[in-house]
Protein backbone atom coordinates (compact mmCIF):
# COMPACT_ATOMS: atom_id res chain seq x y z
CA UNK A 1 26.79 -74.37 -60.31
CA UNK A 2 24.51 -76.86 -58.57
CA UNK A 3 22.71 -76.05 -54.80
CA UNK A 4 25.00 -78.36 -52.78
CA UNK A 5 28.35 -76.55 -54.13
CA UNK A 6 26.83 -73.33 -53.77
CA UNK A 7 26.19 -74.20 -50.05
CA UNK A 8 29.72 -75.43 -49.34
CA UNK A 9 30.75 -72.07 -50.41
CA UNK A 10 28.19 -69.96 -48.53
CA UNK A 11 28.63 -72.62 -45.35
CA UNK A 12 32.37 -71.63 -45.59
CA UNK A 13 32.66 -68.18 -46.11
CA UNK A 14 30.38 -68.01 -43.13
CA UNK A 15 32.84 -70.24 -40.85
CA UNK A 16 35.82 -67.95 -42.17
CA UNK A 17 33.59 -64.90 -41.15
CA UNK A 18 32.94 -66.37 -37.45
CA UNK A 19 36.31 -67.27 -37.41
CA UNK A 20 37.95 -63.73 -38.11
CA UNK A 21 35.09 -62.25 -35.44
CA UNK A 22 36.13 -64.43 -32.92
CA UNK A 23 40.14 -63.72 -33.12
CA UNK A 24 39.44 -59.87 -33.24
CA UNK A 25 36.99 -59.60 -30.32
CA UNK A 26 39.23 -61.15 -28.09
CA UNK A 27 41.94 -59.48 -26.25
CA UNK A 28 44.48 -62.44 -26.17
CA UNK A 29 44.89 -63.88 -29.93
CA UNK A 30 46.76 -66.19 -29.16
CA UNK A 31 44.89 -67.82 -26.30
CA UNK A 32 41.36 -67.59 -28.34
CA UNK A 33 43.53 -69.56 -31.21
CA UNK A 34 45.22 -71.91 -29.29
CA UNK A 35 41.49 -72.51 -27.43
CA UNK A 36 39.64 -73.10 -30.79
CA UNK A 37 42.87 -74.96 -32.21
CA UNK A 38 42.50 -77.39 -28.99
CA UNK A 39 38.68 -77.83 -29.59
CA UNK A 40 38.94 -78.58 -33.25
CA UNK A 41 41.48 -81.09 -32.53
CA UNK A 42 39.25 -83.03 -30.14
CA UNK A 43 35.96 -82.56 -32.54
CA UNK A 44 38.20 -84.39 -35.37
CA UNK A 45 39.32 -86.88 -33.34
CA UNK A 46 35.78 -87.86 -31.72
CA UNK A 47 34.66 -88.18 -35.30
CA UNK A 48 37.94 -89.93 -36.77
CA UNK A 49 36.91 -92.29 -33.52
CA UNK A 50 33.82 -93.48 -34.78
CA UNK A 51 34.88 -93.46 -39.00
CA UNK A 52 37.82 -96.56 -37.73
CA UNK A 53 35.11 -97.75 -35.56
CA UNK A 54 32.12 -98.21 -38.38
CA UNK A 55 34.99 -99.68 -39.98
CA UNK A 56 35.94 -102.39 -37.70
CA UNK A 57 32.03 -102.67 -37.74
CA UNK A 58 31.66 -103.56 -41.46
CA UNK A 59 34.57 -106.26 -41.29
CA UNK A 60 33.00 -107.55 -38.06
CA UNK A 61 29.70 -108.04 -40.04
CA UNK A 62 31.06 -109.21 -43.25
CA UNK A 63 32.67 -112.12 -41.73
CA UNK A 64 35.04 -114.19 -43.79
CA UNK A 65 33.34 -112.79 -46.61
CA UNK A 66 35.56 -109.94 -46.52
CA UNK A 67 38.44 -111.95 -46.46
CA UNK A 68 37.88 -114.39 -48.92
CA UNK A 69 36.85 -112.21 -51.69
CA UNK A 70 40.03 -110.40 -51.12
CA UNK A 71 42.67 -112.82 -50.89
CA UNK A 72 45.04 -113.69 -53.53
CA UNK A 73 44.49 -117.35 -55.08
CA UNK A 74 46.94 -120.02 -53.48
CA UNK A 75 49.13 -121.97 -55.68
CA UNK A 76 47.55 -125.08 -54.75
CA UNK A 77 44.14 -123.83 -56.43
CA UNK A 78 46.03 -122.52 -59.78
CA UNK A 79 45.31 -124.79 -62.60
CA UNK A 80 48.76 -125.16 -65.02
């Protein structure tokens, strides 16, 4: 097993243990889970927006090169 996989597994275990500790310490479990779900959703929404912005930026920088590379050949250019 590589070092990266080991670190990822240990990080996931740490997050899981932290989540369980936070749920068990607080009095109202439902409120804690709702708060964490809300902040997790906002956090992931931020990164999704960043991801889509980076795609739009790549398309803007590529200009016509992207579209010309992925365009199907027209019928007039095909030779029989």
